[in-house]
Protein backbone atom coordinates (compact mmCIF):
# COMPACT_ATOMS: atom_id res chain seq x y z
CA MET A 1 1.62 -8.43 14.57
CA PRO A 2 5.26 -7.30 14.23
CA ASP A 3 7.31 -8.11 17.33
CA ALA A 4 9.94 -5.40 17.00
CA ILE A 5 11.10 -2.50 14.92
CA ASP A 6 13.98 -2.62 12.50
CA ALA A 7 13.91 1.00 11.37
CA VAL A 8 17.29 2.71 11.41
CA ASP A 9 17.46 5.82 13.60
CA THR A 10 19.16 8.74 11.86
CA PRO A 11 19.47 12.23 13.41
CA THR A 12 17.79 15.20 11.74
CA PRO A 13 19.10 18.64 12.78
CA HIS A 14 15.75 20.43 12.70
CA ARG A 15 14.54 18.14 15.47
CA LYS A 16 16.57 16.64 18.24
CA PRO A 17 18.05 13.27 17.19
CA LYS A 18 15.59 10.46 17.65
CA PRO A 19 16.21 8.48 20.84
CA PRO A 20 17.95 5.14 20.50
CA ARG A 21 15.83 2.02 20.11
CA ARG A 22 13.49 2.00 23.07
CA GLU A 23 13.47 -1.09 25.24
CA ILE A 24 12.06 -2.19 28.56
CA GLY A 25 14.12 -4.86 30.22
CA GLY A 26 15.86 -5.60 26.93
CA ARG A 27 12.53 -6.01 25.12
CA PRO A 28 11.99 -3.72 22.09
CA LEU A 29 8.77 -1.76 22.16
CA LYS A 30 6.24 -2.65 19.48
CA PRO A 31 5.03 -0.29 16.73
CA ALA A 32 1.65 0.26 18.42
CA THR A 33 3.48 1.79 21.40
CA LEU A 34 5.91 3.83 19.32
CA MET A 35 3.06 5.44 17.37
CA MET A 36 2.32 7.63 20.39
CA GLY A 37 5.47 9.70 20.17
CA TYR A 38 8.21 8.28 17.99
CA GLY A 39 10.19 10.91 16.07
CA TYR A 40 8.72 13.90 17.92
CA ASP A 41 10.03 15.89 20.91
CA PRO A 42 7.44 18.10 22.66
CA VAL A 43 10.25 20.33 23.98
CA LEU A 44 10.82 21.63 20.45
CA SER A 45 7.17 22.74 20.12
CA GLU A 46 6.42 24.62 23.35
CA GLY A 47 5.70 21.37 25.16
CA SER A 48 2.76 20.45 22.92
CA LEU A 49 1.93 16.79 23.58
CA LYS A 50 0.99 16.28 19.94
CA ALA A 51 2.92 17.66 17.00
CA PRO A 52 1.40 20.95 15.78
CA ILE A 53 0.46 21.43 12.13
CA PHE A 54 3.31 23.32 10.48
CA LEU A 55 1.61 25.45 7.82
CA THR A 56 4.50 27.13 6.08
CA SER A 57 5.90 27.06 2.57
CA THR A 58 9.52 27.73 3.48
CA PHE A 59 11.94 27.45 6.40
CA ALA A 60 14.58 29.88 7.66
CA PHE A 61 18.20 28.70 7.50
CA GLU A 62 20.45 29.12 10.52
CA SER A 63 23.22 30.37 8.22
CA ALA A 64 24.04 30.79 4.53
CA ALA A 65 26.46 27.88 4.76
CA ALA A 66 23.68 25.67 6.13
CA GLY A 67 21.40 26.67 3.26
CA LYS A 68 24.12 25.79 0.77
CA ARG A 69 24.65 22.40 2.39
CA HIS A 70 20.94 21.59 2.35
CA PHE A 71 20.70 22.36 -1.36
CA GLU A 72 23.82 20.33 -2.09
CA GLY A 73 21.97 17.37 -0.60
CA ILE A 74 18.69 18.05 -2.38
CA THR A 75 20.32 18.46 -5.81
CA GLY A 76 22.52 15.38 -5.43
CA LEU A 77 25.84 17.23 -5.33
CA ARG A 78 26.33 15.64 -1.94
CA GLU A 79 25.05 12.26 -0.77
CA GLY A 80 22.61 12.13 2.10
CA GLY A 81 19.91 14.56 1.02
CA ALA A 82 18.83 17.66 2.89
CA GLU A 83 20.07 17.85 6.47
CA GLY A 84 17.30 20.18 7.55
CA LEU A 85 14.04 21.78 6.53
CA VAL A 86 14.18 23.72 3.26
CA TYR A 87 10.90 24.10 1.38
CA SER A 88 7.59 22.33 1.77
CA ARG A 89 7.78 20.68 -1.67
CA PHE A 90 10.77 18.75 -0.31
CA ASN A 91 10.07 18.15 3.37
CA GLY A 92 8.35 19.40 6.50
CA PRO A 93 8.08 18.48 10.20
CA ASN A 94 4.69 16.74 9.96
CA GLN A 95 5.73 14.78 6.88
CA GLU A 96 9.04 13.68 8.36
CA ILE A 97 7.50 12.53 11.65
CA LEU A 98 4.90 10.60 9.64
CA GLU A 99 7.57 9.00 7.46
CA ASP A 100 9.55 7.98 10.57
CA ARG A 101 6.50 6.18 11.99
CA LEU A 102 5.49 4.52 8.73
CA ALA A 103 9.01 3.10 8.44
CA VAL A 104 8.64 1.58 11.92
CA TRP A 105 5.63 -0.53 10.88
CA ASP A 106 7.41 -2.14 7.92
CA GLY A 107 10.83 -2.38 9.52
CA ALA A 108 12.12 -0.10 6.76
CA GLU A 109 15.12 2.19 6.73
CA ASP A 110 13.27 5.05 5.05
CA ALA A 111 9.80 6.07 3.90
CA LEU A 112 8.29 8.74 1.65
CA THR A 113 4.77 10.18 1.70
CA PHE A 114 2.67 11.45 -1.20
CA SER A 115 -0.58 13.25 -1.91
CA SER A 116 -2.27 9.97 -2.93
CA GLY A 117 -1.51 6.29 -3.37
CA MET A 118 -1.47 6.70 -7.14
CA THR A 119 0.96 9.63 -6.87
CA ALA A 120 3.27 7.33 -4.92
CA ILE A 121 2.97 4.55 -7.51
CA CYS A 122 3.36 6.81 -10.54
CA ILE A 123 6.42 8.64 -9.23
CA LEU A 124 7.92 5.30 -8.13
CA MET A 125 7.58 3.83 -11.62
CA MET A 126 8.81 6.97 -13.36
CA ALA A 127 11.86 7.09 -11.09
CA TYR A 128 12.97 3.62 -12.17
CA ALA A 129 11.73 3.14 -15.74
CA SER A 130 13.41 4.74 -18.76
CA GLN A 131 12.63 4.65 -22.48
CA ASN A 132 12.53 1.11 -23.94
CA ASP A 133 12.46 -0.53 -20.49
CA VAL A 134 10.10 -3.31 -19.41
CA ILE A 135 7.99 -3.44 -16.25
CA VAL A 136 6.97 -6.89 -15.03
CA HIS A 137 3.81 -6.89 -12.94
CA SER A 138 1.37 -9.30 -11.34
CA GLY A 139 -2.29 -9.31 -12.23
CA PRO A 140 -4.81 -8.14 -11.51
CA LEU A 141 -3.71 -4.74 -10.30
CA TYR A 142 -5.82 -1.82 -9.20
CA ALA A 143 -7.18 -0.49 -12.51
CA ALA A 144 -5.40 2.87 -12.24
CA SER A 145 -2.05 1.15 -11.61
CA GLU A 146 -2.51 -1.20 -14.54
CA GLY A 147 -3.71 1.64 -16.74
CA PHE A 148 -0.72 3.81 -15.87
CA VAL A 149 1.66 1.10 -17.06
CA ALA A 150 -0.31 0.15 -20.18
CA LYS A 151 -1.55 3.57 -21.30
CA VAL A 152 0.82 6.21 -19.92
CA MET A 153 4.23 4.61 -19.57
CA SER A 154 3.76 3.08 -23.03
CA ARG A 155 3.75 6.60 -24.50
CA PHE A 156 7.41 6.80 -23.47
CA GLY A 157 8.42 3.43 -24.90
CA VAL A 158 8.00 1.42 -21.71
CA THR A 159 6.35 -1.97 -22.23
CA TYR A 160 5.20 -4.60 -19.76
CA VAL A 161 4.93 -8.36 -19.20
CA ASP A 162 2.45 -9.63 -16.62
CA PHE A 163 1.69 -12.86 -14.79
CA ALA A 164 -1.19 -14.17 -12.70
CA ALA A 165 -1.04 -13.46 -8.98
CA GLY A 166 -0.79 -17.12 -7.99
CA ALA A 167 2.00 -18.01 -10.42
CA THR A 168 4.51 -20.69 -9.40
CA ARG A 169 8.29 -20.28 -9.35
CA SER A 170 8.68 -21.94 -12.74
CA GLU A 171 5.99 -19.72 -14.25
CA ILE A 172 7.67 -16.64 -12.82
CA ASP A 173 11.02 -17.82 -14.21
CA ASP A 174 9.45 -18.01 -17.67
CA VAL A 175 7.94 -14.53 -17.35
CA LEU A 176 11.22 -12.96 -16.27
CA ALA A 177 13.07 -14.68 -19.11
CA ARG A 178 10.52 -13.30 -21.57
CA ALA A 179 10.77 -9.83 -20.07
CA LYS A 180 14.57 -9.94 -20.20
CA ALA A 181 14.49 -10.90 -23.88
CA GLN A 182 11.90 -8.21 -24.63
CA ALA A 183 14.00 -5.56 -22.90
CA ALA A 184 17.10 -6.60 -24.83
CA ALA A 185 15.23 -6.45 -28.13
CA GLN A 186 14.00 -2.94 -27.28
CA GLY A 187 17.43 -1.75 -26.15
CA GLY A 188 16.34 -1.31 -22.54
CA LYS A 189 16.30 -3.17 -19.24
CA VAL A 190 13.77 -4.76 -16.90
CA ALA A 191 13.19 -1.71 -14.72
CA MET A 192 10.99 -3.12 -11.99
CA ILE A 193 8.91 -6.06 -10.82
CA TYR A 194 5.69 -4.58 -9.47
CA LEU A 195 3.30 -6.69 -7.41
CA GLU A 196 -0.06 -6.26 -5.74
CA SER A 197 -0.98 -8.78 -3.07
CA PRO A 198 -3.75 -9.43 -2.30
CA ALA A 199 -4.85 -8.41 -5.77
CA ASN A 200 -7.63 -5.89 -6.21
CA PRO A 201 -10.44 -7.01 -6.37
CA THR A 202 -10.02 -10.81 -6.38
CA ASN A 203 -7.87 -11.14 -3.22
CA ALA A 204 -5.46 -13.46 -5.07
CA LEU A 205 -2.06 -13.67 -3.35
CA VAL A 206 1.38 -13.35 -4.96
CA ASP A 207 4.24 -15.59 -3.81
CA VAL A 208 6.71 -12.81 -3.00
CA GLU A 209 9.40 -15.26 -1.93
CA ALA A 210 9.20 -17.06 -5.28
CA VAL A 211 9.40 -13.72 -7.10
CA ARG A 212 12.46 -12.78 -5.05
CA ASP A 213 14.20 -16.08 -5.79
CA ALA A 214 13.41 -15.81 -9.50
CA ARG A 215 14.62 -12.21 -9.56
CA ASP A 216 17.86 -13.11 -7.78
CA ALA A 217 18.53 -15.82 -10.36
CA ALA A 218 17.65 -13.89 -13.52
CA LEU A 219 17.66 -10.15 -12.80
CA PRO A 220 19.82 -9.32 -9.77
CA GLY A 221 19.57 -5.67 -8.89
CA THR A 222 16.06 -5.20 -10.27
CA PRO A 223 13.81 -3.80 -7.53
CA ILE A 224 10.68 -5.63 -6.41
CA ALA A 225 7.89 -3.25 -5.33
CA ILE A 226 4.57 -4.32 -3.87
CA ASP A 227 1.26 -2.62 -3.12
CA ASN A 228 0.43 -3.81 0.41
CA THR A 229 -2.70 -1.70 0.88
CA PHE A 230 -5.14 -4.56 1.51
CA LEU A 231 -3.15 -6.12 4.39
CA GLY A 232 -0.73 -3.48 5.60
CA PRO A 233 0.65 -2.53 7.91
CA LEU A 234 -0.79 -5.07 10.36
CA TRP A 235 -1.39 -8.31 8.46
CA SER A 236 1.59 -8.53 6.10
CA ARG A 237 5.21 -7.31 6.04
CA PRO A 238 6.44 -7.86 2.46
CA LEU A 239 9.95 -6.49 3.08
CA GLU A 240 10.54 -9.60 5.20
CA HIS A 241 9.52 -11.87 2.30
CA GLY A 242 11.77 -10.41 -0.39
CA ALA A 243 10.20 -7.17 -1.58
CA ASP A 244 12.47 -4.11 -1.73
CA ILE A 245 9.79 -1.41 -1.74
CA VAL A 246 6.34 -1.48 -0.14
CA ALA A 247 3.63 0.93 -1.32
CA TYR A 248 0.39 2.00 0.35
CA SER A 249 -2.69 3.98 -0.30
CA LEU A 250 -2.71 5.59 3.14
CA THR A 251 -6.27 6.62 2.32
CA LYS A 252 -7.32 3.11 3.28
CA TYR A 253 -6.49 1.32 6.54
CA VAL A 254 -3.77 3.67 7.76
CA GLY A 255 -5.97 6.77 7.40
CA GLY A 256 -8.94 4.61 8.23
CA HIS A 257 -11.71 7.21 8.50
CA SER A 258 -12.53 7.98 4.83
CA ASP A 259 -11.58 11.62 5.38
CA LEU A 260 -8.21 11.98 3.65
CA VAL A 261 -6.24 10.91 0.57
CA ALA A 262 -2.53 10.06 0.76
CA GLY A 263 0.06 7.44 -0.18
CA SER A 264 3.51 6.21 0.77
CA ILE A 265 6.40 3.93 -0.10
CA ALA A 266 9.04 2.46 2.23
CA GLY A 267 12.25 0.49 1.92
CA ALA A 268 16.00 0.82 2.09
CA LYS A 269 17.30 4.34 1.58
CA ARG A 270 19.07 3.36 -1.65
CA TRP A 271 15.67 2.49 -3.15
CA MET A 272 14.01 5.61 -1.77
CA ASP A 273 16.61 8.15 -2.93
CA PRO A 274 15.75 8.13 -6.68
CA VAL A 275 12.06 8.47 -5.85
CA ARG A 276 12.72 11.26 -3.37
CA ALA A 277 14.70 13.16 -6.04
CA LEU A 278 11.81 12.95 -8.52
CA ARG A 279 9.27 13.87 -5.84
CA ASN A 280 11.40 16.93 -5.00
CA THR A 281 11.11 18.03 -8.63
CA MET A 282 7.49 17.15 -9.31
CA GLY A 283 5.96 17.83 -5.93
CA GLY A 284 3.32 15.39 -4.76
CA ILE A 285 4.41 15.27 -1.12
CA VAL A 286 1.53 14.93 1.33
CA ASP A 287 0.38 18.26 2.78
CA PRO A 288 0.99 19.11 6.48
CA ASN A 289 -2.66 18.86 7.55
CA THR A 290 -3.11 15.42 5.99
CA ALA A 291 0.19 14.27 7.50
CA TRP A 292 -1.03 15.43 10.92
CA MET A 293 -4.31 13.54 10.47
CA LEU A 294 -2.37 10.41 9.55
CA LEU A 295 -0.28 10.74 12.71
CA ARG A 296 -3.57 10.70 14.61
CA SER A 297 -4.78 7.65 12.69
CA LEU A 298 -1.58 5.67 13.24
CA GLU A 299 -2.28 5.70 16.98
CA THR A 300 -5.35 3.49 16.49
CA VAL A 301 -4.53 1.56 13.31
CA GLU A 302 -3.91 -1.70 15.17
CA LEU A 303 -7.17 -1.47 17.12
CA ARG A 304 -9.22 -0.58 14.03
CA MET A 305 -7.74 -3.29 11.86
CA GLN A 306 -8.11 -5.95 14.54
CA ARG A 307 -11.79 -5.10 15.06
CA ALA A 308 -12.48 -5.00 11.32
CA GLY A 309 -10.71 -8.34 10.86
CA GLU A 310 -12.77 -9.96 13.61
CA ASN A 311 -15.95 -8.59 12.06
CA ALA A 312 -15.02 -9.86 8.61
CA ALA A 313 -14.46 -13.38 9.95
CA LYS A 314 -17.97 -13.42 11.44
CA VAL A 315 -19.59 -11.91 8.35
CA CYS A 316 -17.86 -14.35 5.99
CA ALA A 317 -18.83 -17.33 8.15
CA PHE A 318 -22.44 -16.27 7.56
CA LEU A 319 -22.07 -15.47 3.86
CA ARG A 320 -20.30 -18.68 2.85
CA ALA A 321 -23.34 -20.73 3.88
CA HIS A 322 -25.94 -18.47 2.26
CA PRO A 323 -27.83 -20.09 -0.65
CA LYS A 324 -27.58 -16.95 -2.82
CA VAL A 325 -23.80 -16.74 -2.46
CA GLU A 326 -21.76 -18.54 -5.10
CA GLY A 327 -18.41 -18.07 -3.40
CA LEU A 328 -16.08 -15.85 -1.39
CA GLY A 329 -12.65 -14.43 -2.14
CA TYR A 330 -11.77 -14.20 1.55
CA LEU A 331 -8.34 -15.09 2.88
CA GLY A 332 -9.83 -16.81 5.89
CA HIS A 333 -11.58 -19.38 3.65
CA ILE A 334 -9.05 -20.36 0.99
CA ALA A 335 -9.85 -23.44 -1.06
CA ASP A 336 -6.78 -23.51 -3.33
CA PRO A 337 -3.75 -25.28 -1.74
CA ARG A 338 -1.28 -23.03 -3.56
CA GLN A 339 -2.96 -19.89 -2.25
CA GLN A 340 -3.18 -21.37 1.26
CA ASP A 341 0.57 -22.07 1.20
CA ILE A 342 1.30 -18.45 0.24
CA TYR A 343 -1.05 -17.22 2.95
CA ASP A 344 0.60 -19.36 5.61
CA ARG A 345 4.04 -18.02 4.71
CA HIS A 346 3.19 -14.38 4.04
CA CYS A 347 0.16 -13.27 6.03
CA LEU A 348 -0.48 -12.53 9.69
CA GLY A 349 -4.23 -12.21 9.26
CA ALA A 350 -7.02 -12.57 6.70
CA GLY A 351 -7.88 -8.87 6.50
CA SER A 352 -11.32 -7.34 6.25
CA THR A 353 -11.69 -6.74 2.50
CA PHE A 354 -13.00 -9.60 0.37
CA SER A 355 -14.86 -10.51 -2.79
CA LEU A 356 -18.43 -11.75 -2.61
CA PHE A 357 -19.69 -13.72 -5.62
CA ILE A 358 -23.45 -13.58 -5.82
CA LYS A 359 -25.42 -16.18 -7.79
CA GLY A 360 -26.43 -14.41 -10.98
CA GLY A 361 -24.84 -11.42 -12.70
CA GLU A 362 -24.92 -7.64 -12.73
CA ALA A 363 -28.66 -7.37 -12.04
CA GLU A 364 -28.43 -9.57 -8.96
CA SER A 365 -25.31 -7.75 -7.72
CA PHE A 366 -27.01 -4.39 -8.15
CA ALA A 367 -30.12 -5.61 -6.30
CA PHE A 368 -27.91 -6.61 -3.36
CA LEU A 369 -25.99 -3.33 -3.36
CA ASP A 370 -29.07 -1.14 -3.71
CA ASN A 371 -30.73 -2.72 -0.68
CA LEU A 372 -27.89 -2.41 1.82
CA THR A 373 -28.71 -0.07 4.69
CA ILE A 374 -25.74 -0.09 7.10
CA ALA A 375 -23.07 -0.80 4.51
CA LYS A 376 -22.54 2.13 2.18
CA LEU A 377 -22.40 1.82 -1.61
CA ALA A 378 -19.03 3.45 -2.28
CA VAL A 379 -15.58 2.66 -3.61
CA SER A 380 -12.47 2.58 -1.40
CA LEU A 381 -11.84 0.35 1.60
CA GLY A 382 -10.24 0.16 5.01
CA GLY A 383 -12.43 2.77 6.72
CA THR A 384 -14.31 2.55 9.98
CA GLU A 385 -17.53 2.04 8.03
CA THR A 386 -18.43 -0.97 5.87
CA LEU A 387 -18.33 -0.27 2.13
CA ALA A 388 -19.55 -2.28 -0.86
CA SER A 389 -18.97 -1.74 -4.57
CA HIS A 390 -19.18 -3.45 -7.97
CA PRO A 391 -15.66 -3.52 -9.47
CA ALA A 392 -16.63 -4.60 -12.99
CA SER A 393 -18.77 -1.49 -13.48
CA MET A 394 -16.95 0.88 -11.15
CA THR A 395 -13.26 0.72 -10.16
CA HIS A 396 -12.32 -1.65 -13.00
CA LEU A 397 -14.73 -0.37 -15.65
CA SER A 398 -11.82 0.86 -17.80
CA VAL A 399 -10.22 -2.61 -17.91
CA PRO A 400 -10.96 -4.28 -21.28
CA GLN A 401 -13.63 -6.95 -21.02
CA ALA A 402 -11.34 -9.73 -22.26
CA ARG A 403 -8.83 -8.92 -19.51
CA LYS A 404 -11.56 -8.74 -16.88
CA ASP A 405 -12.69 -12.20 -17.97
CA LEU A 406 -9.12 -13.49 -17.77
CA LEU A 407 -8.59 -12.05 -14.28
CA GLY A 408 -11.92 -13.16 -12.85
CA ILE A 409 -13.45 -9.69 -12.47
CA THR A 410 -16.98 -10.87 -13.16
CA ASP A 411 -20.38 -9.20 -13.12
CA ASN A 412 -21.38 -11.15 -10.02
CA LEU A 413 -18.36 -9.99 -7.99
CA VAL A 414 -19.09 -7.49 -5.22
CA ARG A 415 -16.18 -6.12 -3.18
CA ILE A 416 -16.83 -5.72 0.53
CA SER A 417 -14.69 -3.81 3.03
CA VAL A 418 -15.92 -4.57 6.53
CA GLY A 419 -15.69 -1.79 9.10
CA ILE A 420 -15.87 -1.65 12.88
CA GLU A 421 -19.66 -1.67 13.36
CA ASP A 422 -21.32 -4.43 15.37
CA ALA A 423 -20.83 -7.70 13.47
CA ASP A 424 -24.36 -8.97 14.15
CA ASP A 425 -25.83 -5.78 12.74
CA LEU A 426 -23.74 -6.18 9.59
CA ILE A 427 -24.86 -9.79 9.19
CA ALA A 428 -28.50 -8.71 9.51
CA ASP A 429 -27.92 -6.04 6.85
CA PHE A 430 -26.35 -8.49 4.41
CA ALA A 431 -29.10 -11.02 5.07
CA GLN A 432 -31.92 -8.60 4.25
CA ALA A 433 -30.11 -7.28 1.17
CA LEU A 434 -29.66 -10.84 -0.14
CA GLU A 435 -33.41 -11.37 0.19
CA HIS A 436 -33.83 -8.90 -2.69
CA VAL A 437 -31.61 -10.97 -5.02
C-alpha cells in the first residue's frame, strides 16, 4: 500500500487550484483518503458533493484572448498545454479530475485517460515510434498488444525485439544491444522498451530494475513503459522501480465492476506531452460518463482489491493441493528463485488473477470451465465477480502456435480472476467443477 502521494499539484483555471498536499500532523494522507475529493471543489458545482457529469462538446471562453492562449497550448506553439477547458476531444472536468486521482496512486506528475486500455497502448506506441524504429518488449504480452506491434506497427516499418519476462540483466543487455544494432541497420532508433508484468496470462514477472539499469547503460533517454493492469494500482508501483510510463486497462481493477471500458497512462509530464498531443488529434479520450463512473470506482478500489487478494490466497491454497491440478501461476506460491526475488523487490501483494494448470489438455480445461456455477466463463479480470477463461483458445487464439508453445500458453492453462464473493463458496465451486475433469 503506498504510504504517501508524490503527485505534483498544478493549478487549472477552470477549477480552483488544487489545495496543497494535505497532511494531518505532518503526515501525508494516503491515496485511499484522497480518492474521496481530490481535485474537485463542490463550490464550483452548486455545492454538489460528487462531481456532476459534464455532458458537453465544447466550453465557452472567458475572452477571445483566453481562447487564443488555450489553442496556443494545444497546438504546441506555447509550452504547457491548454490552460482551461476547450473541447471535449481534448479535455473535460470529469476527465481531468479522474486523471488527477490516477496520478496520485502511482505518484506520477501527470496522467492521461483513454476510451480503452488498447487505445492508451496504441496511441502511446504511435507517439514514440517512427518509421524504421525498433520496439523492445517483454513476452508474453496481452495478445492485442503483441499483435499491434507485430502486425500493425510493422506496416509502417517499425520492427521489434522481444525477451522473456524473467530475463536476467545480462540477457536484457544482449537484447538491447541487438535492438540497437537492428535500429542502426534500419536507419532508425530504439523507440521504446515496453513491458507487461505480470505477463498475461502466465503471471511471469519482469525485473523492471534490471531493465532500467540496462537501458541507462545502453540506451539513455529511451522510455520504459509498463502495463501494470494485473497488480495496479494497489500491489505494484512500477514508477518507483525504474519505469517511466505506467499503463492500465481501467476496465479491470480500477473500474472493477465489469460495466465500463477505459484505459490510462501516467508518468512525468515530459513523457505524457507527446501522447497528449496525438490523443488531441486522434480523439480516444474517455467519455464524461465513464470518467464519472471511474471516479466512483476509485473510492473503493483498495477495499475491492484487498478482498479479492485475500480470496485468491484461500482459493489457491486449496487448488495447489488438488490431485487434478498440475500447477499454479500464482504470485503467492512462486517456486522459481529468480521470480521470487523480483516479487520481493517489486510487489506489494500477490494479486487475485492467476493461471491454473489442469492435468490434461483442452478437453479437461473445457470440462472444468463448463461446470463452474459461481465463477463466470468470460474474458477480462479484476471485477467484483470471479471470472475464468481459456487463453489459448480465447484471448490468445491469434498468437501463432509456436509462440504460444514458447511462452507457455498451453491448452491446460485456465486463467482465473478471483472476485469478492465468499471464499468458501468459491472453493466449493472449483471443487465440484474439478470433479468433472
